[in-house]
Amino acid sequence: MGLSYNVYLNSHKIYGCKNCKAHLANHEDIISRNFRGQHGKAYLFNSVVNVTSGDASERHMTTGRHIVRDITCRQCNETVGWKYDKAFEASEKYKEGKYILEAELLCNVT
């Protein structure tokens, strides 16, 4: 395995890891702000960068059963949210392949 380099985003508003300020997502990639995480308010993103995905696990959430993976900041290894791999409810399929970042674990980089 070679060196891993951080991706630096170019946008008017960038969300970063609260712990180390590594870039995680562009404001334009938010799909919804109407989510809740372990730490309160959370955002659904179309894509994120500079994260590592953990092992898949089944979780029963308020919207039903999902297969998800915790995602951690690649730079400091802090958990910042999760990725939806599979939704079992038809109405929740839009979440598959999308990411949740918890607001409490983020900072504004720009």
PDB file of N, CA and C in Angstrom:
ATOM      1  N   MET A   1       0.851  -1.178   0.000  1.00  0.00           N
ATOM      2  CA  MET A   1       0.000   0.000   0.000  1.00  0.00           C
ATOM      3  C   MET A   1       0.896   1.239   0.000  1.00  0.00           C
ATOM      4  N   GLY A   2       0.576   2.202  -0.846  1.00  0.00           N
ATOM      5  CA  GLY A   2       1.380   3.411  -0.966  1.00  0.00           C
ATOM      6  C   GLY A   2       0.914   4.502  -0.033  1.00  0.00           C
ATOM      7  N   LEU A   3       1.473   5.647  -0.240  1.00  0.00           N
ATOM      8  CA  LEU A   3       1.076   6.814   0.540  1.00  0.00           C
ATOM      9  C   LEU A   3      -0.337   7.228   0.179  1.00  0.00           C
ATOM     10  N   SER A   4      -1.081   7.704   1.167  1.00  0.00           N
ATOM     11  CA  SER A   4      -2.406   8.244   0.870  1.00  0.00           C
ATOM     12  C   SER A   4      -2.348   9.758   1.062  1.00  0.00           C
ATOM     13  N   TYR A   5      -2.919  10.461   0.099  1.00  0.00           N
ATOM     14  CA  TYR A   5      -2.919  11.906   0.127  1.00  0.00           C
ATOM     15  C   TYR A   5      -4.329  12.406   0.378  1.00  0.00           C
ATOM     16  N   ASN A   6      -4.451  13.475   1.124  1.00  0.00           N
ATOM     17  CA  ASN A   6      -5.755  14.078   1.337  1.00  0.00           C
ATOM     18  C   ASN A   6      -6.221  14.787   0.079  1.00  0.00           C
ATOM     19  N   VAL A   7      -7.524  14.743  -0.145  1.00  0.00           N
ATOM     20  CA  VAL A   7      -8.153  15.501  -1.216  1.00  0.00           C
ATOM     21  C   VAL A   7      -8.524  16.857  -0.632  1.00  0.00           C
ATOM     22  N   TYR A   8      -8.215  17.919  -1.356  1.00  0.00           N
ATOM     23  CA  TYR A   8      -8.577  19.262  -0.920  1.00  0.00           C
ATOM     24  C   TYR A   8      -9.686  19.770  -1.824  1.00  0.00           C
ATOM     25  N   LEU A   9     -10.802  20.133  -1.210  1.00  0.00           N
ATOM     26  CA  LEU A   9     -11.968  20.578  -1.952  1.00  0.00           C
ATOM     27  C   LEU A   9     -11.895  22.075  -2.227  1.00  0.00           C
ATOM     28  N   ASN A  10     -12.538  22.489  -3.308  1.00  0.00           N
ATOM     29  CA  ASN A  10     -12.566  23.892  -3.690  1.00  0.00           C
ATOM     30  C   ASN A  10     -14.022  24.319  -3.811  1.00  0.00           C
ATOM     31  N   SER A  11     -14.525  25.005  -2.804  1.00  0.00           N
ATOM     32  CA  SER A  11     -15.922  25.407  -2.774  1.00  0.00           C
ATOM     33  C   SER A  11     -16.065  26.624  -1.867  1.00  0.00           C
ATOM     34  N   HIS A  12     -17.200  27.307  -1.940  1.00  0.00           N
ATOM     35  CA  HIS A  12     -17.410  28.466  -1.067  1.00  0.00           C
ATOM     36  C   HIS A  12     -17.667  28.031   0.380  1.00  0.00           C
ATOM     37  N   LYS A  13     -18.129  26.779   0.591  1.00  0.00           N
ATOM     38  CA  LYS A  13     -18.325  26.264   1.946  1.00  0.00           C
ATOM     39  C   LYS A  13     -17.939  24.796   1.980  1.00  0.00           C
ATOM     40  N   ILE A  14     -16.969  24.479   2.830  1.00  0.00           N
ATOM     41  CA  ILE A  14     -16.452  23.118   2.951  1.00  0.00           C
ATOM     42  C   ILE A  14     -16.603  22.662   4.394  1.00  0.00           C
ATOM     43  N   TYR A  15     -17.089  21.434   4.567  1.00  0.00           N
ATOM     44  CA  TYR A  15     -17.175  20.834   5.894  1.00  0.00           C
ATOM     45  C   TYR A  15     -15.934  19.993   6.126  1.00  0.00           C
ATOM     46  N   GLY A  16     -15.354  20.143   7.323  1.00  0.00           N
ATOM     47  CA  GLY A  16     -14.165  19.394   7.668  1.00  0.00           C
ATOM     48  C   GLY A  16     -14.331  18.666   8.984  1.00  0.00           C
ATOM     49  N   CYS A  17     -13.378  17.825   9.288  1.00  0.00           N
ATOM     50  CA  CYS A  17     -13.347  17.100  10.562  1.00  0.00           C
ATOM     51  C   CYS A  17     -13.107  18.107  11.689  1.00  0.00           C
ATOM     52  N   LYS A  18     -13.928  18.073  12.698  1.00  0.00           N
ATOM     53  CA  LYS A  18     -13.799  19.004  13.830  1.00  0.00           C
ATOM     54  C   LYS A  18     -12.467  18.821  14.549  1.00  0.00           C
ATOM     55  N   ASN A  19     -11.955  17.599  14.553  1.00  0.00           N
ATOM     56  CA  ASN A  19     -10.736  17.286  15.285  1.00  0.00           C
ATOM     57  C   ASN A  19      -9.473  17.779  14.574  1.00  0.00           C
ATOM     58  N   CYS A  20      -9.384  17.551  13.243  1.00  0.00           N
ATOM     59  CA  CYS A  20      -8.127  17.864  12.544  1.00  0.00           C
ATOM     60  C   CYS A  20      -8.293  18.794  11.345  1.00  0.00           C
ATOM     61  N   LYS A  21      -9.515  19.185  11.034  1.00  0.00           N
ATOM     62  CA  LYS A  21      -9.821  20.130   9.948  1.00  0.00           C
ATOM     63  C   LYS A  21      -9.639  19.559   8.537  1.00  0.00           C
ATOM     64  N   ALA A  22      -9.446  18.243   8.403  1.00  0.00           N
ATOM     65  CA  ALA A  22      -9.342  17.642   7.064  1.00  0.00           C
ATOM     66  C   ALA A  22     -10.648  17.855   6.310  1.00  0.00           C
ATOM     67  N   HIS A  23     -10.557  18.181   5.036  1.00  0.00           N
ATOM     68  CA  HIS A  23     -11.746  18.374   4.211  1.00  0.00           C
ATOM     69  C   HIS A  23     -12.531  17.066   4.111  1.00  0.00           C
ATOM     70  N   LEU A  24     -13.870  17.162   4.243  1.00  0.00           N
ATOM     71  CA  LEU A  24     -14.730  15.988   4.144  1.00  0.00           C
ATOM     72  C   LEU A  24     -15.786  16.111   3.052  1.00  0.00           C
ATOM     73  N   ALA A  25     -16.400  17.281   2.903  1.00  0.00           N
ATOM     74  CA  ALA A  25     -17.492  17.403   1.924  1.00  0.00           C
ATOM     75  C   ALA A  25     -17.748  18.853   1.529  1.00  0.00           C
ATOM     76  N   ASN A  26     -18.276  19.021   0.332  1.00  0.00           N
ATOM     77  CA  ASN A  26     -18.740  20.319  -0.158  1.00  0.00           C
ATOM     78  C   ASN A  26     -20.171  20.559   0.293  1.00  0.00           C
ATOM     79  N   HIS A  27     -20.492  21.784   0.592  1.00  0.00           N
ATOM     80  CA  HIS A  27     -21.847  22.163   0.960  1.00  0.00           C
ATOM     81  C   HIS A  27     -22.843  21.803  -0.156  1.00  0.00           C
ATOM     82  N   GLU A  28     -22.424  21.922  -1.406  1.00  0.00           N
ATOM     83  CA  GLU A  28     -23.283  21.639  -2.554  1.00  0.00           C
ATOM     84  C   GLU A  28     -23.697  20.172  -2.642  1.00  0.00           C
ATOM     85  N   ASP A  29     -22.979  19.281  -1.959  1.00  0.00           N
ATOM     86  CA  ASP A  29     -23.286  17.848  -2.018  1.00  0.00           C
ATOM     87  C   ASP A  29     -24.294  17.399  -0.969  1.00  0.00           C
ATOM     88  N   ILE A  30     -24.833  18.331  -0.178  1.00  0.00           N
ATOM     89  CA  ILE A  30     -25.861  17.963   0.798  1.00  0.00           C
ATOM     90  C   ILE A  30     -27.156  17.617   0.060  1.00  0.00           C
ATOM     91  N   ILE A  31     -27.699  16.462   0.371  1.00  0.00           N
ATOM     92  CA  ILE A  31     -28.985  16.036  -0.179  1.00  0.00           C
ATOM     93  C   ILE A  31     -30.101  16.439   0.774  1.00  0.00           C
ATOM     94  N   SER A  32     -29.851  16.269   2.096  1.00  0.00           N
ATOM     95  CA  SER A  32     -30.864  16.593   3.095  1.00  0.00           C
ATOM     96  C   SER A  32     -30.201  16.978   4.415  1.00  0.00           C
ATOM     97  N   ARG A  33     -30.833  17.920   5.115  1.00  0.00           N
ATOM     98  CA  ARG A  33     -30.383  18.311   6.459  1.00  0.00           C
ATOM     99  C   ARG A  33     -31.315  17.744   7.525  1.00  0.00           C
ATOM    100  N   ASN A  34     -32.240  16.908   7.126  1.00  0.00           N
ATOM    101  CA  ASN A  34     -33.286  16.405   8.008  1.00  0.00           C
ATOM    102  C   ASN A  34     -32.951  15.015   8.562  1.00  0.00           C
ATOM    103  N   PHE A  35     -31.771  14.867   9.149  1.00  0.00           N
ATOM    104  CA  PHE A  35     -31.338  13.584   9.708  1.00  0.00           C
ATOM    105  C   PHE A  35     -30.848  13.779  11.133  1.00  0.00           C
ATOM    106  N   ARG A  36     -30.839  12.686  11.877  1.00  0.00           N
ATOM    107  CA  ARG A  36     -30.349  12.682  13.254  1.00  0.00           C
ATOM    108  C   ARG A  36     -29.288  11.592  13.387  1.00  0.00           C
ATOM    109  N   GLY A  37     -28.241  11.921  14.138  1.00  0.00           N
ATOM    110  CA  GLY A  37     -27.198  10.948  14.436  1.00  0.00           C
ATOM    111  C   GLY A  37     -27.106  10.741  15.931  1.00  0.00           C
ATOM    112  N   GLN A  38     -26.078  10.071  16.364  1.00  0.00           N
ATOM    113  CA  GLN A  38     -25.865   9.837  17.796  1.00  0.00           C
ATOM    114  C   GLN A  38     -25.667  11.141  18.551  1.00  0.00           C
ATOM    115  N   HIS A  39     -25.105  12.150  17.883  1.00  0.00           N
ATOM    116  CA  HIS A  39     -24.772  13.421  18.528  1.00  0.00           C
ATOM    117  C   HIS A  39     -25.736  14.544  18.164  1.00  0.00           C
ATOM    118  N   GLY A  40     -26.879  14.191  17.574  1.00  0.00           N
ATOM    119  CA  GLY A  40     -27.856  15.208  17.202  1.00  0.00           C
ATOM    120  C   GLY A  40     -27.976  15.362  15.703  1.00  0.00           C
ATOM    121  N   LYS A  41     -28.045  16.600  15.249  1.00  0.00           N
ATOM    122  CA  LYS A  41     -28.267  16.938  13.844  1.00  0.00           C
ATOM    123  C   LYS A  41     -27.216  16.288  12.936  1.00  0.00           C
ATOM    124  N   ALA A  42     -27.684  15.812  11.780  1.00  0.00           N
ATOM    125  CA  ALA A  42     -26.791  15.178  10.805  1.00  0.00           C
ATOM    126  C   ALA A  42     -27.260  15.517   9.403  1.00  0.00           C
ATOM    127  N   TYR A  43     -26.339  15.405   8.434  1.00  0.00           N
ATOM    128  CA  TYR A  43     -26.630  15.741   7.043  1.00  0.00           C
ATOM    129  C   TYR A  43     -26.384  14.530   6.153  1.00  0.00           C
ATOM    130  N   LEU A  44     -27.248  14.360   5.146  1.00  0.00           N
ATOM    131  CA  LEU A  44     -27.066  13.315   4.139  1.00  0.00           C
ATOM    132  C   LEU A  44     -26.324  13.927   2.962  1.00  0.00           C
ATOM    133  N   PHE A  45     -25.171  13.338   2.603  1.00  0.00           N
ATOM    134  CA  PHE A  45     -24.337  13.824   1.511  1.00  0.00           C
ATOM    135  C   PHE A  45     -24.294  12.819   0.374  1.00  0.00           C
ATOM    136  N   ASN A  46     -24.170  13.348  -0.827  1.00  0.00           N
ATOM    137  CA  ASN A  46     -24.026  12.519  -2.011  1.00  0.00           C
ATOM    138  C   ASN A  46     -22.630  11.892  -2.059  1.00  0.00           C
ATOM    139  N   SER A  47     -21.618  12.664  -1.666  1.00  0.00           N
ATOM    140  CA  SER A  47     -20.246  12.148  -1.670  1.00  0.00           C
ATOM    141  C   SER A  47     -19.426  12.832  -0.586  1.00  0.00           C
ATOM    142  N   VAL A  48     -18.416  12.128  -0.112  1.00  0.00           N
ATOM    143  CA  VAL A  48     -17.467  12.654   0.876  1.00  0.00           C
ATOM    144  C   VAL A  48     -16.063  12.224   0.462  1.00  0.00           C
ATOM    145  N   VAL A  49     -15.048  12.884   1.011  1.00  0.00           N
ATOM    146  CA  VAL A  49     -13.656  12.553   0.713  1.00  0.00           C
ATOM    147  C   VAL A  49     -12.893  12.388   2.031  1.00  0.00           C
ATOM    148  N   ASN A  50     -11.720  11.825   1.929  1.00  0.00           N
ATOM    149  CA  ASN A  50     -10.799  11.687   3.069  1.00  0.00           C
ATOM    150  C   ASN A  50     -11.391  10.906   4.229  1.00  0.00           C
ATOM    151  N   VAL A  51     -12.180   9.866   3.912  1.00  0.00           N
ATOM    152  CA  VAL A  51     -12.733   9.006   4.950  1.00  0.00           C
ATOM    153  C   VAL A  51     -12.361   7.554   4.663  1.00  0.00           C
ATOM    154  N   THR A  52     -12.403   6.752   5.706  1.00  0.00           N
ATOM    155  CA  THR A  52     -12.204   5.314   5.615  1.00  0.00           C
ATOM    156  C   THR A  52     -13.473   4.645   6.113  1.00  0.00           C
ATOM    157  N   SER A  53     -13.933   3.640   5.379  1.00  0.00           N
ATOM    158  CA  SER A  53     -15.147   2.914   5.767  1.00  0.00           C
ATOM    159  C   SER A  53     -14.803   1.691   6.599  1.00  0.00           C
ATOM    160  N   GLY A  54     -15.601   1.458   7.641  1.00  0.00           N
ATOM    161  CA  GLY A  54     -15.425   0.276   8.476  1.00  0.00           C
ATOM    162  C   GLY A  54     -16.172  -0.909   7.903  1.00  0.00           C
ATOM    163  N   ASP A  55     -16.340  -1.931   8.711  1.00  0.00           N
ATOM    164  CA  ASP A  55     -17.056  -3.134   8.301  1.00  0.00           C
ATOM    165  C   ASP A  55     -18.556  -2.880   8.273  1.00  0.00           C
ATOM    166  N   ALA A  56     -19.232  -3.562   7.361  1.00  0.00           N
ATOM    167  CA  ALA A  56     -20.684  -3.440   7.244  1.00  0.00           C
ATOM    168  C   ALA A  56     -21.362  -4.111   8.436  1.00  0.00           C
ATOM    169  N   SER A  57     -22.441  -3.479   8.912  1.00  0.00           N
ATOM    170  CA  SER A  57     -23.233  -4.071   9.989  1.00  0.00           C
ATOM    171  C   SER A  57     -24.692  -3.691   9.796  1.00  0.00           C
ATOM    172  N   GLU A  58     -25.573  -4.543  10.283  1.00  0.00           N
ATOM    173  CA  GLU A  58     -27.000  -4.266  10.186  1.00  0.00           C
ATOM    174  C   GLU A  58     -27.433  -3.451  11.391  1.00  0.00           C
ATOM    175  N   ARG A  59     -28.184  -2.371  11.132  1.00  0.00           N
ATOM    176  CA  ARG A  59     -28.689  -1.529  12.215  1.00  0.00           C
ATOM    177  C   ARG A  59     -30.165  -1.264  12.018  1.00  0.00           C
ATOM    178  N   HIS A  60     -30.869  -1.258  13.124  1.00  0.00           N
ATOM    179  CA  HIS A  60     -32.278  -0.893  13.114  1.00  0.00           C
ATOM    180  C   HIS A  60     -32.360   0.571  13.511  1.00  0.00           C
ATOM    181  N   MET A  61     -32.758   1.410  12.557  1.00  0.00           N
ATOM    182  CA  MET A  61     -32.833   2.852  12.770  1.00  0.00           C
ATOM    183  C   MET A  61     -34.298   3.268  12.782  1.00  0.00           C
ATOM    184  N   THR A  62     -34.548   4.536  13.058  1.00  0.00           N
ATOM    185  CA  THR A  62     -35.927   5.024  13.127  1.00  0.00           C
ATOM    186  C   THR A  62     -36.653   4.854  11.794  1.00  0.00           C
ATOM    187  N   THR A  63     -35.901   4.816  10.687  1.00  0.00           N
ATOM    188  CA  THR A  63     -36.518   4.662   9.369  1.00  0.00           C
ATOM    189  C   THR A  63     -36.501   3.227   8.867  1.00  0.00           C
ATOM    190  N   GLY A  64     -36.127   2.284   9.719  1.00  0.00           N
ATOM    191  CA  GLY A  64     -36.124   0.877   9.322  1.00  0.00           C
ATOM    192  C   GLY A  64     -34.756   0.243   9.419  1.00  0.00           C
ATOM    193  N   ARG A  65     -34.656  -0.932   8.820  1.00  0.00           N
ATOM    194  CA  ARG A  65     -33.437  -1.738   8.871  1.00  0.00           C
ATOM    195  C   ARG A  65     -32.510  -1.345   7.716  1.00  0.00           C
ATOM    196  N   HIS A  66     -31.233  -1.164   8.026  1.00  0.00           N
ATOM    197  CA  HIS A  66     -30.227  -0.774   7.036  1.00  0.00           C
ATOM    198  C   HIS A  66     -28.932  -1.545   7.258  1.00  0.00           C
ATOM    199  N   ILE A  67     -28.165  -1.702   6.198  1.00  0.00           N
ATOM    200  CA  ILE A  67     -26.775  -2.161   6.294  1.00  0.00           C
ATOM    201  C   ILE A  67     -25.925  -0.908   6.137  1.00  0.00           C
ATOM    202  N   VAL A  68     -25.100  -0.603   7.140  1.00  0.00           N
ATOM    203  CA  VAL A  68     -24.300   0.623   7.135  1.00  0.00           C
ATOM    204  C   VAL A  68     -22.857   0.320   7.518  1.00  0.00           C
ATOM    205  N   ARG A  69     -21.993   1.279   7.234  1.00  0.00           N
ATOM    206  CA  ARG A  69     -20.575   1.221   7.625  1.00  0.00           C
ATOM    207  C   ARG A  69     -20.226   2.544   8.301  1.00  0.00           C
ATOM    208  N   ASP A  70     -19.613   2.491   9.463  1.00  0.00           N
ATOM    209  CA  ASP A  70     -19.111   3.717  10.077  1.00  0.00           C
ATOM    210  C   ASP A  70     -17.996   4.273   9.198  1.00  0.00           C
ATOM    211  N   ILE A  71     -17.928   5.597   9.123  1.00  0.00           N
ATOM    212  CA  ILE A  71     -16.837   6.226   8.383  1.00  0.00           C
ATOM    213  C   ILE A  71     -16.019   7.073   9.355  1.00  0.00           C
ATOM    214  N   THR A  72     -14.708   7.010   9.185  1.00  0.00           N
ATOM    215  CA  THR A  72     -13.790   7.751  10.041  1.00  0.00           C
ATOM    216  C   THR A  72     -12.936   8.675   9.178  1.00  0.00           C
ATOM    217  N   CYS A  73     -12.497   9.762   9.764  1.00  0.00           N
ATOM    218  CA  CYS A  73     -11.582  10.679   9.105  1.00  0.00           C
ATOM    219  C   CYS A  73     -10.277   9.936   8.823  1.00  0.00           C
ATOM    220  N   ARG A  74      -9.831   9.992   7.589  1.00  0.00           N
ATOM    221  CA  ARG A  74      -8.610   9.279   7.216  1.00  0.00           C
ATOM    222  C   ARG A  74      -7.373   9.871   7.886  1.00  0.00           C
ATOM    223  N   GLN A  75      -7.409  11.148   8.224  1.00  0.00           N
ATOM    224  CA  GLN A  75      -6.241  11.804   8.811  1.00  0.00           C
ATOM    225  C   GLN A  75      -6.093  11.525  10.309  1.00  0.00           C
ATOM    226  N   CYS A  76      -7.194  11.626  11.090  1.00  0.00           N
ATOM    227  CA  CYS A  76      -7.075  11.482  12.555  1.00  0.00           C
ATOM    228  C   CYS A  76      -7.823  10.262  13.114  1.00  0.00           C
ATOM    229  N   ASN A  77      -8.548   9.553  12.258  1.00  0.00           N
ATOM    230  CA  ASN A  77      -9.250   8.322  12.627  1.00  0.00           C
ATOM    231  C   ASN A  77     -10.461   8.531  13.542  1.00  0.00           C
ATOM    232  N   GLU A  78     -10.976   9.768  13.628  1.00  0.00           N
ATOM    233  CA  GLU A  78     -12.196  10.035  14.400  1.00  0.00           C
ATOM    234  C   GLU A  78     -13.422   9.631  13.586  1.00  0.00           C
ATOM    235  N   THR A  79     -14.394   9.010  14.231  1.00  0.00           N
ATOM    236  CA  THR A  79     -15.646   8.673  13.560  1.00  0.00           C
ATOM    237  C   THR A  79     -16.396   9.968  13.256  1.00  0.00           C
ATOM    238  N   VAL A  80     -16.864  10.115  12.008  1.00  0.00           N
ATOM    239  CA  VAL A  80     -17.572  11.329  11.598  1.00  0.00           C
ATOM    240  C   VAL A  80     -18.985  11.046  11.101  1.00  0.00           C
ATOM    241  N   GLY A  81     -19.337   9.776  10.920  1.00  0.00           N
ATOM    242  CA  GLY A  81     -20.677   9.426  10.445  1.00  0.00           C
ATOM    243  C   GLY A  81     -20.733   7.995   9.960  1.00  0.00           C
ATOM    244  N   TRP A  82     -21.582   7.760   8.932  1.00  0.00           N
ATOM    245  CA  TRP A  82     -21.708   6.418   8.373  1.00  0.00           C
ATOM    246  C   TRP A  82     -22.129   6.477   6.919  1.00  0.00           C
ATOM    247  N   LYS A  83     -21.965   5.335   6.240  1.00  0.00           N
ATOM    248  CA  LYS A  83     -22.375   5.178   4.846  1.00  0.00           C
ATOM    249  C   LYS A  83     -23.484   4.141   4.787  1.00  0.00           C
ATOM    250  N   TYR A  84     -24.511   4.420   3.999  1.00  0.00           N
ATOM    251  CA  TYR A  84     -25.587   3.461   3.786  1.00  0.00           C
ATOM    252  C   TYR A  84     -25.197   2.519   2.640  1.00  0.00           C
ATOM    253  N   ASP A  85     -25.119   1.222   2.925  1.00  0.00           N
ATOM    254  CA  ASP A  85     -24.869   0.233   1.875  1.00  0.00           C
ATOM    255  C   ASP A  85     -26.185  -0.298   1.311  1.00  0.00           C
ATOM    256  N   LYS A  86     -27.144  -0.585   2.196  1.00  0.00           N
ATOM    257  CA  LYS A  86     -28.403  -1.188   1.758  1.00  0.00           C
ATOM    258  C   LYS A  86     -29.533  -0.745   2.673  1.00  0.00           C
ATOM    259  N   ALA A  87     -30.667  -0.435   2.051  1.00  0.00           N
ATOM    260  CA  ALA A  87     -31.896  -0.137   2.783  1.00  0.00           C
ATOM    261  C   ALA A  87     -32.909  -1.215   2.430  1.00  0.00           C
ATOM    262  N   PHE A  88     -33.605  -1.734   3.416  1.00  0.00           N
ATOM    263  CA  PHE A  88     -34.553  -2.814   3.172  1.00  0.00           C
ATOM    264  C   PHE A  88     -35.954  -2.304   2.829  1.00  0.00           C
ATOM    265  N   GLU A  89     -36.264  -1.082   3.230  1.00  0.00           N
ATOM    266  CA  GLU A  89     -37.566  -0.481   2.913  1.00  0.00           C
ATOM    267  C   GLU A  89     -37.464   0.213   1.556  1.00  0.00           C
ATOM    268  N   ALA A  90     -38.456   0.013   0.695  1.00  0.00           N
ATOM    269  CA  ALA A  90     -38.446   0.609  -0.646  1.00  0.00           C
ATOM    270  C   ALA A  90     -38.337   2.134  -0.581  1.00  0.00           C
ATOM    271  N   SER A  91     -39.001   2.743   0.382  1.00  0.00           N
ATOM    272  CA  SER A  91     -38.994   4.205   0.489  1.00  0.00           C
ATOM    273  C   SER A  91     -37.649   4.759   0.951  1.00  0.00           C
ATOM    274  N   GLU A  92     -36.748   3.915   1.410  1.00  0.00           N
ATOM    275  CA  GLU A  92     -35.441   4.348   1.913  1.00  0.00           C
ATOM    276  C   GLU A  92     -34.293   4.029   0.949  1.00  0.00           C
ATOM    277  N   LYS A  93     -34.593   3.451  -0.195  1.00  0.00           N
ATOM    278  CA  LYS A  93     -33.561   3.042  -1.166  1.00  0.00           C
ATOM    279  C   LYS A  93     -32.710   4.215  -1.662  1.00  0.00           C
ATOM    280  N   TYR A  94     -33.245   5.426  -1.638  1.00  0.00           N
ATOM    281  CA  TYR A  94     -32.489   6.597  -2.111  1.00  0.00           C
ATOM    282  C   TYR A  94     -31.231   6.846  -1.283  1.00  0.00           C
ATOM    283  N   LYS A  95     -31.155   6.279  -0.087  1.00  0.00           N
ATOM    284  CA  LYS A  95     -29.999   6.478   0.789  1.00  0.00           C
ATOM    285  C   LYS A  95     -28.810   5.589   0.413  1.00  0.00           C
ATOM    286  N   GLU A  96     -29.053   4.542  -0.349  1.00  0.00           N
ATOM    287  CA  GLU A  96     -27.982   3.595  -0.662  1.00  0.00           C
ATOM    288  C   GLU A  96     -26.826   4.284  -1.378  1.00  0.00           C
ATOM    289  N   GLY A  97     -25.613   4.063  -0.875  1.00  0.00           N
ATOM    290  CA  GLY A  97     -24.416   4.673  -1.446  1.00  0.00           C
ATOM    291  C   GLY A  97     -24.174   6.101  -0.988  1.00  0.00           C
ATOM    292  N   LYS A  98     -25.033   6.614  -0.116  1.00  0.00           N
ATOM    293  CA  LYS A  98     -24.912   7.991   0.389  1.00  0.00           C
ATOM    294  C   LYS A  98     -24.277   7.977   1.780  1.00  0.00           C
ATOM    295  N   TYR A  99     -23.922   9.164   2.253  1.00  0.00           N
ATOM    296  CA  TYR A  99     -23.179   9.307   3.509  1.00  0.00           C
ATOM    297  C   TYR A  99     -23.891  10.235   4.482  1.00  0.00           C
ATOM    298  N   ILE A 100     -23.809   9.900   5.755  1.00  0.00           N
ATOM    299  CA  ILE A 100     -24.266  10.775   6.834  1.00  0.00           C
ATOM    300  C   ILE A 100     -23.032  11.327   7.536  1.00  0.00           C
ATOM    301  N   LEU A 101     -22.981  12.663   7.679  1.00  0.00           N
ATOM    302  CA  LEU A 101     -21.964  13.313   8.508  1.00  0.00           C
ATOM    303  C   LEU A 101     -22.699  14.018   9.634  1.00  0.00           C
ATOM    304  N   GLU A 102     -22.243  13.802  10.861  1.00  0.00           N
ATOM    305  CA  GLU A 102     -22.891  14.394  12.024  1.00  0.00           C
ATOM    306  C   GLU A 102     -22.376  15.811  12.256  1.00  0.00           C
ATOM    307  N   ALA A 103     -23.296  16.763  12.359  1.00  0.00           N
ATOM    308  CA  ALA A 103     -22.954  18.185  12.479  1.00  0.00           C
ATOM    309  C   ALA A 103     -22.021  18.455  13.658  1.00  0.00           C
ATOM    310  N   GLU A 104     -22.229  17.782  14.760  1.00  0.00           N
ATOM    311  CA  GLU A 104     -21.418  17.999  15.963  1.00  0.00           C
ATOM    312  C   GLU A 104     -19.949  17.609  15.745  1.00  0.00           C
ATOM    313  N   LEU A 105     -19.693  16.754  14.755  1.00  0.00           N
ATOM    314  CA  LEU A 105     -18.345  16.270  14.494  1.00  0.00           C
ATOM    315  C   LEU A 105     -17.662  17.013  13.343  1.00  0.00           C
ATOM    316  N   LEU A 106     -18.340  18.067  12.839  1.00  0.00           N
ATOM    317  CA  LEU A 106     -17.833  18.834  11.701  1.00  0.00           C
ATOM    318  C   LEU A 106     -17.452  20.255  12.087  1.00  0.00           C
ATOM    319  N   CYS A 107     -16.663  20.876  11.233  1.00  0.00           N
ATOM    320  CA  CYS A 107     -16.383  22.305  11.345  1.00  0.00           C
ATOM    321  C   CYS A 107     -16.429  22.898   9.944  1.00  0.00           C
ATOM    322  N   ASN A 108     -16.619  24.200   9.852  1.00  0.00           N
ATOM    323  CA  ASN A 108     -16.551  24.900   8.577  1.00  0.00           C
ATOM    324  C   ASN A 108     -15.105  25.249   8.307  1.00  0.00           C
ATOM    325  N   VAL A 109     -14.585  24.735   7.202  1.00  0.00           N
ATOM    326  CA  VAL A 109     -13.183  24.991   6.855  1.00  0.00           C
ATOM    327  C   VAL A 109     -13.062  26.313   6.117  1.00  0.00           C
ATOM    328  N   THR A 110     -14.081  26.684   5.343  1.00  0.00           N
ATOM    329  CA  THR A 110     -14.036  27.970   4.629  1.00  0.00           C
ATOM    330  C   THR A 110     -15.297  28.747   4.886  1.00  0.00           C
TER     331      THR A 110
END
